[in-house]
Amino acid sequence: MLRLDQVSVSYGGLRALREVSLHVAPGALTAVVGPNGAGKSTLFKAISGTVPISTGSIRFDGDDLLAHPAHRRAHLGIAHVPEGRRVFASLSVLENLEMGSATEVGRVNRSRSFQRIYTLFPILAQRRGQLAGTLSGGQQQMLAIGRALASCPRLLMLDEPSMGLSPTMADTIFDAIHTLRQEGEITILLVEQRVTDALAQCDRATVLESGRVVLEGLAADLSADRLRQAYLGV
């Protein structure tokens, strides 16, 4: 479904990604892990189109993503939940979801997708009229994911969904990701600091370090020793 070949991204002369290649199969959950500053968030921004790439290619279902500006990529079926949630604080829960459903397919399927979101996160149904900025951090993360789902994506990119959450709330978010994976309708690309949880969820994993892919394979094949070597170089 998603194919990156030799993708590089530079900021002010510094290379944040260095010839990264990544292949994501339809319906799979692929985890991208690595230390801080490894380029994980930059990778997502390159896919969603919010940062330009300097070399390489990105294809989505065979389509050249570089031919489409960022706002069109959402209509192609790519949803990006950024690090830090970034909900529209001054809008209600419902209004945030309506913003997410502004894609062509999202508008057509709004009723069905909203029901799916409320089933996944019942608290959002209870608080649909509440301002998003007054929700707890965990509830805002649910809303950020729900807003992405409202676009009816084929590819859902989740950047550090457990960051800043209590262990209990993080577990709730991972339960939702597990449910989405079991449904099999959406391909998921996950960046996550809780590496053990990410590997337990995913089919394949890619380890980034200093903007490069240093390890890649089936999650079951990535032992603790291999991850330690990739992270620490020992």
C-alpha atoms as a PDB file:
ATOM      1  CA  MET A   1       0.000   0.000   0.000  1.00  0.00           C
ATOM      2  CA  LEU A   2       2.686   2.499   1.040  1.00  0.00           C
ATOM      3  CA  ARG A   3       6.188   2.463  -0.390  1.00  0.00           C
ATOM      4  CA  LEU A   4       9.032   4.827   0.408  1.00  0.00           C
ATOM      5  CA  ASP A   5      12.246   4.440  -1.564  1.00  0.00           C
ATOM      6  CA  GLN A   6      15.479   6.216  -0.597  1.00  0.00           C
ATOM      7  CA  VAL A   7      13.642   9.166   1.013  1.00  0.00           C
ATOM      8  CA  SER A   8      15.777  11.967   2.456  1.00  0.00           C
ATOM      9  CA  VAL A   9      14.598  15.123   4.235  1.00  0.00           C
ATOM     10  CA  SER A  10      16.792  18.092   5.183  1.00  0.00           C
ATOM     11  CA  TYR A  11      16.149  21.005   7.539  1.00  0.00           C
ATOM     12  CA  GLY A  12      18.462  23.982   7.137  1.00  0.00           C
ATOM     13  CA  GLY A  13      21.242  21.826   5.777  1.00  0.00           C
ATOM     14  CA  LEU A  14      20.800  19.083   8.399  1.00  0.00           C
ATOM     15  CA  ARG A  15      19.513  15.733   7.137  1.00  0.00           C
ATOM     16  CA  ALA A  16      16.638  14.488   9.283  1.00  0.00           C
ATOM     17  CA  LEU A  17      16.034  11.404   7.111  1.00  0.00           C
ATOM     18  CA  ARG A  18      18.762   9.626   5.183  1.00  0.00           C
ATOM     19  CA  GLU A  19      17.707   7.422   2.275  1.00  0.00           C
ATOM     20  CA  VAL A  20      14.886   5.737   4.183  1.00  0.00           C
ATOM     21  CA  SER A  21      13.038   2.902   2.472  1.00  0.00           C
ATOM     22  CA  LEU A  22       9.846   1.506   3.993  1.00  0.00           C
ATOM     23  CA  HIS A  23       7.165  -0.806   2.628  1.00  0.00           C
ATOM     24  CA  VAL A  24       3.792  -1.119   4.388  1.00  0.00           C
ATOM     25  CA  ALA A  25       1.414  -3.894   3.363  1.00  0.00           C
ATOM     26  CA  PRO A  26      -2.363  -3.359   3.168  1.00  0.00           C
ATOM     27  CA  GLY A  27      -4.118  -4.090   6.468  1.00  0.00           C
ATOM     28  CA  ALA A  28      -0.867  -4.398   8.418  1.00  0.00           C
ATOM     29  CA  LEU A  29       0.206  -2.583  11.547  1.00  0.00           C
ATOM     30  CA  THR A  30       3.788  -1.406  11.175  1.00  0.00           C
ATOM     31  CA  ALA A  31       5.654   0.148  14.100  1.00  0.00           C
ATOM     32  CA  VAL A  32       8.447   2.700  13.715  1.00  0.00           C
ATOM     33  CA  VAL A  33      10.600   2.950  16.819  1.00  0.00           C
ATOM     34  CA  GLY A  34      13.878   4.556  17.770  1.00  0.00           C
ATOM     35  CA  PRO A  35      15.492   7.034  20.157  1.00  0.00           C
ATOM     36  CA  ASN A  36      14.525  10.711  20.370  1.00  0.00           C
ATOM     37  CA  GLY A  37      15.652  12.648  17.334  1.00  0.00           C
ATOM     38  CA  ALA A  38      15.798   9.566  15.139  1.00  0.00           C
ATOM     39  CA  GLY A  39      13.509  11.099  12.491  1.00  0.00           C
ATOM     40  CA  LYS A  40      10.281   9.256  13.294  1.00  0.00           C
ATOM     41  CA  SER A  41       8.006  12.307  13.281  1.00  0.00           C
ATOM     42  CA  THR A  42       9.775  13.681  10.203  1.00  0.00           C
ATOM     43  CA  LEU A  43       8.979  10.422   8.427  1.00  0.00           C
ATOM     44  CA  PHE A  44       5.263  10.907   9.098  1.00  0.00           C
ATOM     45  CA  LYS A  45       5.400  14.549   8.001  1.00  0.00           C
ATOM     46  CA  ALA A  46       7.049  13.517   4.747  1.00  0.00           C
ATOM     47  CA  ILE A  47       4.251  11.040   4.069  1.00  0.00           C
ATOM     48  CA  SER A  48       1.482  13.498   4.933  1.00  0.00           C
ATOM     49  CA  GLY A  49       3.178  16.235   2.908  1.00  0.00           C
ATOM     50  CA  THR A  50       3.861  18.801   5.628  1.00  0.00           C
ATOM     51  CA  VAL A  51       7.614  18.709   4.967  1.00  0.00           C
ATOM     52  CA  PRO A  52       9.198  18.397   1.510  1.00  0.00           C
ATOM     53  CA  ILE A  53      11.560  15.561   0.694  1.00  0.00           C
ATOM     54  CA  SER A  54      14.902  16.289  -0.943  1.00  0.00           C
ATOM     55  CA  THR A  55      15.419  12.907  -2.627  1.00  0.00           C
ATOM     56  CA  GLY A  56      13.518   9.672  -3.122  1.00  0.00           C
ATOM     57  CA  SER A  57       9.931   8.707  -3.870  1.00  0.00           C
ATOM     58  CA  ILE A  58       6.735   7.973  -1.941  1.00  0.00           C
ATOM     59  CA  ARG A  59       3.914   5.959  -3.489  1.00  0.00           C
ATOM     60  CA  PHE A  60       0.493   5.172  -2.052  1.00  0.00           C
ATOM     61  CA  ASP A  61      -1.451   2.411  -3.797  1.00  0.00           C
ATOM     62  CA  GLY A  62       0.855   2.981  -6.745  1.00  0.00           C
ATOM     63  CA  ASP A  63       0.075   6.711  -6.874  1.00  0.00           C
ATOM     64  CA  ASP A  64       2.947   9.199  -6.679  1.00  0.00           C
ATOM     65  CA  LEU A  65       2.260  11.104  -3.455  1.00  0.00           C
ATOM     66  CA  LEU A  66       4.729  13.825  -4.369  1.00  0.00           C
ATOM     67  CA  ALA A  67       2.320  14.891  -7.121  1.00  0.00           C
ATOM     68  CA  HIS A  68      -0.291  15.764  -4.472  1.00  0.00           C
ATOM     69  CA  PRO A  69      -0.169  18.650  -1.967  1.00  0.00           C
ATOM     70  CA  ALA A  70      -0.735  17.872   1.711  1.00  0.00           C
ATOM     71  CA  HIS A  71      -4.455  18.717   1.722  1.00  0.00           C
ATOM     72  CA  ARG A  72      -5.117  16.353  -1.183  1.00  0.00           C
ATOM     73  CA  ARG A  73      -3.374  13.452   0.558  1.00  0.00           C
ATOM     74  CA  ALA A  74      -6.155  13.389   3.155  1.00  0.00           C
ATOM     75  CA  HIS A  75      -8.653  12.889   0.342  1.00  0.00           C
ATOM     76  CA  LEU A  76      -6.552   9.993  -0.944  1.00  0.00           C
ATOM     77  CA  GLY A  77      -7.113   8.214   2.376  1.00  0.00           C
ATOM     78  CA  ILE A  78      -4.145   9.225   4.558  1.00  0.00           C
ATOM     79  CA  ALA A  79      -4.837  10.414   8.119  1.00  0.00           C
ATOM     80  CA  HIS A  80      -2.081  11.717  10.399  1.00  0.00           C
ATOM     81  CA  VAL A  81      -2.556  11.974  14.186  1.00  0.00           C
ATOM     82  CA  PRO A  82       0.396  14.176  15.159  1.00  0.00           C
ATOM     83  CA  GLU A  83       2.435  14.059  18.325  1.00  0.00           C
ATOM     84  CA  GLY A  84       0.792  16.241  20.976  1.00  0.00           C
ATOM     85  CA  ARG A  85      -2.791  15.607  19.768  1.00  0.00           C
ATOM     86  CA  ARG A  86      -3.441  19.178  18.496  1.00  0.00           C
ATOM     87  CA  VAL A  87      -7.221  19.130  18.764  1.00  0.00           C
ATOM     88  CA  PHE A  88      -9.129  22.323  18.015  1.00  0.00           C
ATOM     89  CA  ALA A  89      -9.430  23.487  21.629  1.00  0.00           C
ATOM     90  CA  SER A  90     -12.099  26.155  21.033  1.00  0.00           C
ATOM     91  CA  LEU A  91     -14.380  23.756  19.134  1.00  0.00           C
ATOM     92  CA  SER A  92     -16.624  21.089  20.626  1.00  0.00           C
ATOM     93  CA  VAL A  93     -15.933  17.387  20.392  1.00  0.00           C
ATOM     94  CA  LEU A  94     -18.567  17.076  17.671  1.00  0.00           C
ATOM     95  CA  GLU A  95     -17.165  20.021  15.735  1.00  0.00           C
ATOM     96  CA  ASN A  96     -13.688  18.467  15.846  1.00  0.00           C
ATOM     97  CA  LEU A  97     -15.095  15.264  14.399  1.00  0.00           C
ATOM     98  CA  GLU A  98     -16.943  17.208  11.725  1.00  0.00           C
ATOM     99  CA  MET A  99     -13.671  18.903  10.771  1.00  0.00           C
ATOM    100  CA  GLY A 100     -12.106  15.482  10.379  1.00  0.00           C
ATOM    101  CA  SER A 101     -14.959  14.294   8.171  1.00  0.00           C
ATOM    102  CA  ALA A 102     -14.383  17.042   5.591  1.00  0.00           C
ATOM    103  CA  THR A 103     -12.767  14.632   3.117  1.00  0.00           C
ATOM    104  CA  GLU A 104     -14.782  13.506   0.128  1.00  0.00           C
ATOM    105  CA  VAL A 105     -15.359   9.989   1.480  1.00  0.00           C
ATOM    106  CA  GLY A 106     -15.719  11.284   5.040  1.00  0.00           C
ATOM    107  CA  ARG A 107     -18.676  13.485   4.149  1.00  0.00           C
ATOM    108  CA  VAL A 108     -20.468  10.614   2.433  1.00  0.00           C
ATOM    109  CA  ASN A 109     -19.936   8.218   5.353  1.00  0.00           C
ATOM    110  CA  ARG A 110     -20.214  10.682   8.244  1.00  0.00           C
ATOM    111  CA  SER A 111     -23.084   9.006  10.084  1.00  0.00           C
ATOM    112  CA  ARG A 112     -21.529   5.538   9.962  1.00  0.00           C
ATOM    113  CA  SER A 113     -18.042   6.695  10.868  1.00  0.00           C
ATOM    114  CA  PHE A 114     -19.269   8.780  13.810  1.00  0.00           C
ATOM    115  CA  GLN A 115     -21.111   5.774  15.201  1.00  0.00           C
ATOM    116  CA  ARG A 116     -17.937   3.725  14.857  1.00  0.00           C
ATOM    117  CA  ILE A 117     -15.930   6.406  16.688  1.00  0.00           C
ATOM    118  CA  TYR A 118     -18.477   6.601  19.517  1.00  0.00           C
ATOM    119  CA  THR A 119     -18.407   2.826  19.862  1.00  0.00           C
ATOM    120  CA  LEU A 120     -14.610   2.861  20.054  1.00  0.00           C
ATOM    121  CA  PHE A 121     -14.543   5.830  22.465  1.00  0.00           C
ATOM    122  CA  PRO A 122     -17.903   6.076  24.301  1.00  0.00           C
ATOM    123  CA  ILE A 123     -16.741   9.092  26.328  1.00  0.00           C
ATOM    124  CA  LEU A 124     -16.715  11.157  23.129  1.00  0.00           C
ATOM    125  CA  ALA A 125     -20.415  10.457  22.618  1.00  0.00           C
ATOM    126  CA  GLN A 126     -21.116  11.549  26.176  1.00  0.00           C
ATOM    127  CA  ARG A 127     -19.130  14.760  25.748  1.00  0.00           C
ATOM    128  CA  ARG A 128     -19.852  15.621  22.140  1.00  0.00           C
ATOM    129  CA  GLY A 129     -20.971  19.148  23.098  1.00  0.00           C
ATOM    130  CA  GLN A 130     -17.986  19.851  25.380  1.00  0.00           C
ATOM    131  CA  LEU A 131     -15.128  22.096  24.254  1.00  0.00           C
ATOM    132  CA  ALA A 132     -12.137  19.967  23.275  1.00  0.00           C
ATOM    133  CA  GLY A 133      -9.758  22.148  25.260  1.00  0.00           C
ATOM    134  CA  THR A 134     -11.508  21.199  28.504  1.00  0.00           C
ATOM    135  CA  LEU A 135     -11.039  17.453  28.012  1.00  0.00           C
ATOM    136  CA  SER A 136      -8.362  15.501  29.853  1.00  0.00           C
ATOM    137  CA  GLY A 137      -5.188  14.604  27.968  1.00  0.00           C
ATOM    138  CA  GLY A 138      -6.355  11.052  27.399  1.00  0.00           C
ATOM    139  CA  GLN A 139      -9.745  12.197  26.143  1.00  0.00           C
ATOM    140  CA  GLN A 140      -8.053  14.641  23.785  1.00  0.00           C
ATOM    141  CA  GLN A 141      -5.980  11.759  22.407  1.00  0.00           C
ATOM    142  CA  MET A 142      -9.171   9.779  21.840  1.00  0.00           C
ATOM    143  CA  LEU A 143     -10.610  12.796  20.043  1.00  0.00           C
ATOM    144  CA  ALA A 144      -7.497  13.208  17.888  1.00  0.00           C
ATOM    145  CA  ILE A 145      -7.755   9.576  16.806  1.00  0.00           C
ATOM    146  CA  GLY A 146     -11.506   9.916  16.327  1.00  0.00           C
ATOM    147  CA  ARG A 147     -11.042  13.023  14.197  1.00  0.00           C
ATOM    148  CA  ALA A 148      -8.643  11.075  11.977  1.00  0.00           C
ATOM    149  CA  LEU A 149     -11.066   8.145  11.721  1.00  0.00           C
ATOM    150  CA  ALA A 150     -13.839  10.549  10.692  1.00  0.00           C
ATOM    151  CA  SER A 151     -12.003  11.061   7.398  1.00  0.00           C
ATOM    152  CA  CYS A 152     -12.505   7.334   6.638  1.00  0.00           C
ATOM    153  CA  PRO A 153      -8.796   6.749   6.039  1.00  0.00           C
ATOM    154  CA  ARG A 154      -7.165   3.743   4.452  1.00  0.00           C
ATOM    155  CA  LEU A 155      -3.842   4.588   6.140  1.00  0.00           C
ATOM    156  CA  LEU A 156      -3.821   5.828   9.751  1.00  0.00           C
ATOM    157  CA  MET A 157      -0.548   7.264  11.059  1.00  0.00           C
ATOM    158  CA  LEU A 158      -0.325   7.552  14.854  1.00  0.00           C
ATOM    159  CA  ASP A 159       2.608   9.554  16.228  1.00  0.00           C
ATOM    160  CA  GLU A 160       3.335   8.766  19.908  1.00  0.00           C
ATOM    161  CA  PRO A 161      -0.325   8.197  20.921  1.00  0.00           C
ATOM    162  CA  SER A 162       0.602   7.294  24.531  1.00  0.00           C
ATOM    163  CA  MET A 163       2.859  10.303  25.151  1.00  0.00           C
ATOM    164  CA  GLY A 164       2.020  12.143  28.367  1.00  0.00           C
ATOM    165  CA  LEU A 165      -0.749   9.742  29.359  1.00  0.00           C
ATOM    166  CA  SER A 166      -1.139   7.737  32.525  1.00  0.00           C
ATOM    167  CA  PRO A 167      -0.428   4.003  32.177  1.00  0.00           C
ATOM    168  CA  THR A 168      -4.145   3.243  32.477  1.00  0.00           C
ATOM    169  CA  MET A 169      -5.116   5.730  29.778  1.00  0.00           C
ATOM    170  CA  ALA A 170      -2.263   4.583  27.548  1.00  0.00           C
ATOM    171  CA  ASP A 171      -3.574   1.030  27.869  1.00  0.00           C
ATOM    172  CA  THR A 172      -7.012   2.281  26.776  1.00  0.00           C
ATOM    173  CA  ILE A 173      -5.493   3.865  23.677  1.00  0.00           C
ATOM    174  CA  PHE A 174      -3.612   0.652  22.869  1.00  0.00           C
ATOM    175  CA  ASP A 175      -6.825  -1.336  23.291  1.00  0.00           C
ATOM    176  CA  ALA A 176      -8.428   0.911  20.674  1.00  0.00           C
ATOM    177  CA  ILE A 177      -5.481   0.416  18.315  1.00  0.00           C
ATOM    178  CA  HIS A 178      -5.790  -3.333  18.831  1.00  0.00           C
ATOM    179  CA  THR A 179      -9.489  -3.160  17.950  1.00  0.00           C
ATOM    180  CA  LEU A 180      -8.749  -1.225  14.763  1.00  0.00           C
ATOM    181  CA  ARG A 181      -6.092  -3.739  13.802  1.00  0.00           C
ATOM    182  CA  GLN A 182      -8.443  -6.676  14.417  1.00  0.00           C
ATOM    183  CA  GLU A 183     -11.105  -5.082  12.210  1.00  0.00           C
ATOM    184  CA  GLY A 184      -8.569  -5.090   9.404  1.00  0.00           C
ATOM    185  CA  GLU A 185     -10.113  -2.232   7.455  1.00  0.00           C
ATOM    186  CA  ILE A 186      -7.316   0.277   8.051  1.00  0.00           C
ATOM    187  CA  THR A 187      -3.577   0.036   7.544  1.00  0.00           C
ATOM    188  CA  ILE A 188      -1.775   1.484  10.567  1.00  0.00           C
ATOM    189  CA  LEU A 189       1.660   3.072  10.845  1.00  0.00           C
ATOM    190  CA  LEU A 190       2.586   3.594  14.502  1.00  0.00           C
ATOM    191  CA  VAL A 191       5.369   5.625  16.115  1.00  0.00           C
ATOM    192  CA  GLU A 192       5.509   4.785  19.806  1.00  0.00           C
ATOM    193  CA  GLN A 193       7.840   5.302  22.765  1.00  0.00           C
ATOM    194  CA  ARG A 194       6.486   2.231  24.569  1.00  0.00           C
ATOM    195  CA  VAL A 195       8.495  -0.140  22.411  1.00  0.00           C
ATOM    196  CA  THR A 196       7.349  -3.362  24.081  1.00  0.00           C
ATOM    197  CA  ASP A 197       3.694  -2.449  23.600  1.00  0.00           C
ATOM    198  CA  ALA A 198       4.309  -1.380  20.010  1.00  0.00           C
ATOM    199  CA  LEU A 199       6.025  -4.659  19.137  1.00  0.00           C
ATOM    200  CA  ALA A 200       3.245  -6.635  20.819  1.00  0.00           C
ATOM    201  CA  GLN A 201       0.709  -4.934  18.528  1.00  0.00           C
ATOM    202  CA  CYS A 202       2.501  -4.812  15.199  1.00  0.00           C
ATOM    203  CA  ASP A 203       3.173  -7.156  12.301  1.00  0.00           C
ATOM    204  CA  ARG A 204       6.470  -5.553  11.298  1.00  0.00           C
ATOM    205  CA  ALA A 205       8.768  -2.986  12.861  1.00  0.00           C
ATOM    206  CA  THR A 206      11.366  -0.558  11.617  1.00  0.00           C
ATOM    207  CA  VAL A 207      14.029   0.972  13.857  1.00  0.00           C
ATOM    208  CA  LEU A 208      15.326   4.441  12.969  1.00  0.00           C
ATOM    209  CA  GLU A 209      18.532   5.923  14.342  1.00  0.00           C
ATOM    210  CA  SER A 210      19.931   9.306  13.251  1.00  0.00           C
ATOM    211  CA  GLY A 211      17.559   9.349  10.309  1.00  0.00           C
ATOM    212  CA  ARG A 212      18.557   5.930   8.981  1.00  0.00           C
ATOM    213  CA  VAL A 213      16.875   2.530   9.039  1.00  0.00           C
ATOM    214  CA  VAL A 214      19.155   0.367  11.193  1.00  0.00           C
ATOM    215  CA  LEU A 215      16.848  -2.610  11.732  1.00  0.00           C
ATOM    216  CA  GLU A 216      13.692  -3.914  10.066  1.00  0.00           C
ATOM    217  CA  GLY A 217      11.711  -7.115  10.130  1.00  0.00           C
ATOM    218  CA  LEU A 218       8.833  -9.123  11.531  1.00  0.00           C
ATOM    219  CA  ALA A 219       8.029  -8.092  15.084  1.00  0.00           C
ATOM    220  CA  ALA A 220       8.427 -11.670  16.299  1.00  0.00           C
ATOM    221  CA  ASP A 221      11.971 -11.749  14.921  1.00  0.00           C
ATOM    222  CA  LEU A 222      13.162  -8.561  16.618  1.00  0.00           C
ATOM    223  CA  SER A 223      14.626  -9.850  19.862  1.00  0.00           C
ATOM    224  CA  ALA A 224      15.512  -7.666  22.824  1.00  0.00           C
ATOM    225  CA  ASP A 225      19.209  -8.151  22.025  1.00  0.00           C
ATOM    226  CA  ARG A 226      18.778  -6.959  18.445  1.00  0.00           C
ATOM    227  CA  LEU A 227      16.770  -3.927  19.561  1.00  0.00           C
ATOM    228  CA  ARG A 228      19.365  -3.094  22.208  1.00  0.00           C
ATOM    229  CA  GLN A 229      22.051  -3.243  19.559  1.00  0.00           C
ATOM    230  CA  ALA A 230      20.049  -0.987  17.253  1.00  0.00           C
ATOM    231  CA  TYR A 231      19.302   1.543  20.003  1.00  0.00           C
ATOM    232  CA  LEU A 232      22.636   1.531  21.795  1.00  0.00           C
ATOM    233  CA  GLY A 233      25.094   0.125  19.303  1.00  0.00           C
ATOM    234  CA  VAL A 234      26.141  -2.665  21.725  1.00  0.00           C
END
